[in-house]
């Protein structure tokens, strides 16, 4: 069973929508006992010890579901390329496709 984690900062405007999309994507693509763990990144020290690329970051088994060179210690938002342009969260379809590809 995969370990799925959503790294986010406090008051990130995109965390909740990403968490909702992630829950739906997991339900659509993975076994029913797969859970999603939200993790608050509350300091630069916490960000430094995690593969954090901005809020929200989705990890599957400790690996960024949308890999980038952009690891950061900053408590900052992240942007994702989507079919509709840059956005603060990947689409549910992008999350599903990445989960399936991750395998």
C-alpha atoms as a PDB file:
ATOM      1  CA  UNK A   1       0.000   0.000   0.000  1.00  0.00           C
ATOM      2  CA  UNK A   2       1.320   3.402  -0.977  1.00  0.00           C
ATOM      3  CA  UNK A   3       1.868   6.122   1.602  1.00  0.00           C
ATOM      4  CA  UNK A   4       0.329   9.342   0.297  1.00  0.00           C
ATOM      5  CA  UNK A   5       1.070  12.638   1.995  1.00  0.00           C
ATOM      6  CA  UNK A   6       0.035  16.215   1.242  1.00  0.00           C
ATOM      7  CA  UNK A   7       2.629  18.710   2.467  1.00  0.00           C
ATOM      8  CA  UNK A   8       1.149  22.162   2.985  1.00  0.00           C
ATOM      9  CA  UNK A   9       1.704  25.420   4.822  1.00  0.00           C
ATOM     10  CA  UNK A  10      -0.805  27.132   7.083  1.00  0.00           C
ATOM     11  CA  UNK A  11      -3.365  29.245   5.249  1.00  0.00           C
ATOM     12  CA  UNK A  12      -2.323  28.005   1.808  1.00  0.00           C
ATOM     13  CA  UNK A  13      -5.267  28.895  -0.445  1.00  0.00           C
ATOM     14  CA  UNK A  14      -4.692  25.782  -2.586  1.00  0.00           C
ATOM     15  CA  UNK A  15      -4.277  23.098   0.072  1.00  0.00           C
ATOM     16  CA  UNK A  16      -7.938  22.305   0.637  1.00  0.00           C
ATOM     17  CA  UNK A  17      -8.846  22.005  -3.055  1.00  0.00           C
ATOM     18  CA  UNK A  18      -5.759  19.859  -3.637  1.00  0.00           C
ATOM     19  CA  UNK A  19      -6.670  17.635  -0.697  1.00  0.00           C
ATOM     20  CA  UNK A  20     -10.218  17.191  -2.049  1.00  0.00           C
ATOM     21  CA  UNK A  21      -8.938  16.364  -5.545  1.00  0.00           C
ATOM     22  CA  UNK A  22      -6.335  14.012  -4.098  1.00  0.00           C
ATOM     23  CA  UNK A  23      -8.946  12.121  -2.047  1.00  0.00           C
ATOM     24  CA  UNK A  24     -11.155  11.707  -5.148  1.00  0.00           C
ATOM     25  CA  UNK A  25      -8.192  10.673  -7.314  1.00  0.00           C
ATOM     26  CA  UNK A  26      -7.052   8.104  -4.751  1.00  0.00           C
ATOM     27  CA  UNK A  27     -10.598   6.722  -4.517  1.00  0.00           C
ATOM     28  CA  UNK A  28     -10.742   6.425  -8.321  1.00  0.00           C
ATOM     29  CA  UNK A  29      -7.310   4.860  -8.893  1.00  0.00           C
ATOM     30  CA  UNK A  30      -6.063   3.043  -5.801  1.00  0.00           C
ATOM     31  CA  UNK A  31      -7.126   0.339  -3.361  1.00  0.00           C
ATOM     32  CA  UNK A  32      -9.848   1.264  -0.912  1.00  0.00           C
ATOM     33  CA  UNK A  33      -7.526   1.099   2.106  1.00  0.00           C
ATOM     34  CA  UNK A  34      -5.157   3.787   0.799  1.00  0.00           C
ATOM     35  CA  UNK A  35      -5.214   6.884   2.986  1.00  0.00           C
ATOM     36  CA  UNK A  36      -3.998  10.433   2.549  1.00  0.00           C
ATOM     37  CA  UNK A  37      -2.104  12.157   5.333  1.00  0.00           C
ATOM     38  CA  UNK A  38      -2.043  15.979   5.403  1.00  0.00           C
ATOM     39  CA  UNK A  39       1.206  17.276   6.922  1.00  0.00           C
ATOM     40  CA  UNK A  40       1.666  20.878   8.014  1.00  0.00           C
ATOM     41  CA  UNK A  41       5.041  22.355   7.098  1.00  0.00           C
ATOM     42  CA  UNK A  42       5.413  25.001   9.783  1.00  0.00           C
ATOM     43  CA  UNK A  43       9.068  26.000   9.655  1.00  0.00           C
ATOM     44  CA  UNK A  44      12.058  26.283   7.343  1.00  0.00           C
ATOM     45  CA  UNK A  45      13.649  23.427   9.316  1.00  0.00           C
ATOM     46  CA  UNK A  46      10.666  21.161   8.620  1.00  0.00           C
ATOM     47  CA  UNK A  47      10.694  22.157   4.945  1.00  0.00           C
ATOM     48  CA  UNK A  48      14.418  21.388   4.722  1.00  0.00           C
ATOM     49  CA  UNK A  49      14.038  17.812   5.980  1.00  0.00           C
ATOM     50  CA  UNK A  50      11.154  16.994   3.623  1.00  0.00           C
ATOM     51  CA  UNK A  51      11.045  16.848  -0.196  1.00  0.00           C
ATOM     52  CA  UNK A  52       9.027  20.088  -0.094  1.00  0.00           C
ATOM     53  CA  UNK A  53       8.628  22.069  -3.313  1.00  0.00           C
ATOM     54  CA  UNK A  54       6.069  24.558  -2.039  1.00  0.00           C
ATOM     55  CA  UNK A  55       2.515  24.225  -0.833  1.00  0.00           C
ATOM     56  CA  UNK A  56       0.849  21.943  -1.711  1.00  0.00           C
ATOM     57  CA  UNK A  57       3.287  19.113  -2.480  1.00  0.00           C
ATOM     58  CA  UNK A  58       1.912  15.590  -2.980  1.00  0.00           C
ATOM     59  CA  UNK A  59       4.216  12.733  -1.965  1.00  0.00           C
ATOM     60  CA  UNK A  60       3.729   9.062  -2.782  1.00  0.00           C
ATOM     61  CA  UNK A  61       6.062   6.841  -0.768  1.00  0.00           C
ATOM     62  CA  UNK A  62       8.157   9.934  -0.027  1.00  0.00           C
ATOM     63  CA  UNK A  63       8.566  10.940  -3.684  1.00  0.00           C
ATOM     64  CA  UNK A  64       7.061  14.102  -5.202  1.00  0.00           C
ATOM     65  CA  UNK A  65       4.184  13.042  -7.467  1.00  0.00           C
ATOM     66  CA  UNK A  66       5.042  16.007  -9.742  1.00  0.00           C
ATOM     67  CA  UNK A  67       8.858  16.050  -9.665  1.00  0.00           C
ATOM     68  CA  UNK A  68      10.670  19.356  -9.952  1.00  0.00           C
ATOM     69  CA  UNK A  69      14.114  20.745  -9.145  1.00  0.00           C
ATOM     70  CA  UNK A  70      12.351  23.327  -7.003  1.00  0.00           C
ATOM     71  CA  UNK A  71      12.848  22.062  -3.460  1.00  0.00           C
ATOM     72  CA  UNK A  72      12.547  24.930  -1.031  1.00  0.00           C
ATOM     73  CA  UNK A  73      12.935  25.797   2.616  1.00  0.00           C
ATOM     74  CA  UNK A  74      10.583  28.730   2.119  1.00  0.00           C
ATOM     75  CA  UNK A  75       7.041  28.476   3.446  1.00  0.00           C
ATOM     76  CA  UNK A  76       5.665  29.400   0.050  1.00  0.00           C
ATOM     77  CA  UNK A  77       2.986  28.399  -2.414  1.00  0.00           C
ATOM     78  CA  UNK A  78       3.671  26.181  -5.395  1.00  0.00           C
ATOM     79  CA  UNK A  79       2.367  26.475  -8.936  1.00  0.00           C
ATOM     80  CA  UNK A  80       1.577  23.663 -11.356  1.00  0.00           C
ATOM     81  CA  UNK A  81       1.293  23.655 -15.146  1.00  0.00           C
ATOM     82  CA  UNK A  82      -2.250  22.536 -16.012  1.00  0.00           C
ATOM     83  CA  UNK A  83      -4.162  22.252 -19.296  1.00  0.00           C
ATOM     84  CA  UNK A  84      -5.696  25.649 -18.443  1.00  0.00           C
ATOM     85  CA  UNK A  85      -2.383  27.384 -17.663  1.00  0.00           C
ATOM     86  CA  UNK A  86      -0.468  27.763 -14.422  1.00  0.00           C
ATOM     87  CA  UNK A  87      -2.469  27.090 -11.248  1.00  0.00           C
ATOM     88  CA  UNK A  88      -1.970  26.633  -7.534  1.00  0.00           C
ATOM     89  CA  UNK A  89      -3.118  23.011  -7.705  1.00  0.00           C
ATOM     90  CA  UNK A  90      -2.959  20.181 -10.229  1.00  0.00           C
ATOM     91  CA  UNK A  91      -6.270  19.068 -11.709  1.00  0.00           C
ATOM     92  CA  UNK A  92      -7.908  15.894 -10.448  1.00  0.00           C
ATOM     93  CA  UNK A  93      -7.191  14.309 -13.840  1.00  0.00           C
ATOM     94  CA  UNK A  94      -3.497  15.188 -13.530  1.00  0.00           C
ATOM     95  CA  UNK A  95      -3.373  13.667 -10.051  1.00  0.00           C
ATOM     96  CA  UNK A  96      -5.125  10.487 -11.263  1.00  0.00           C
ATOM     97  CA  UNK A  97      -2.767  10.144 -14.230  1.00  0.00           C
ATOM     98  CA  UNK A  98       0.294  10.672 -11.998  1.00  0.00           C
ATOM     99  CA  UNK A  99      -0.971   8.098  -9.466  1.00  0.00           C
ATOM    100  CA  UNK A 100      -1.538   5.539 -12.217  1.00  0.00           C
ATOM    101  CA  UNK A 101       1.897   6.246 -13.725  1.00  0.00           C
ATOM    102  CA  UNK A 102       3.497   5.942 -10.284  1.00  0.00           C
ATOM    103  CA  UNK A 103       2.006   2.549 -10.206  1.00  0.00           C
END
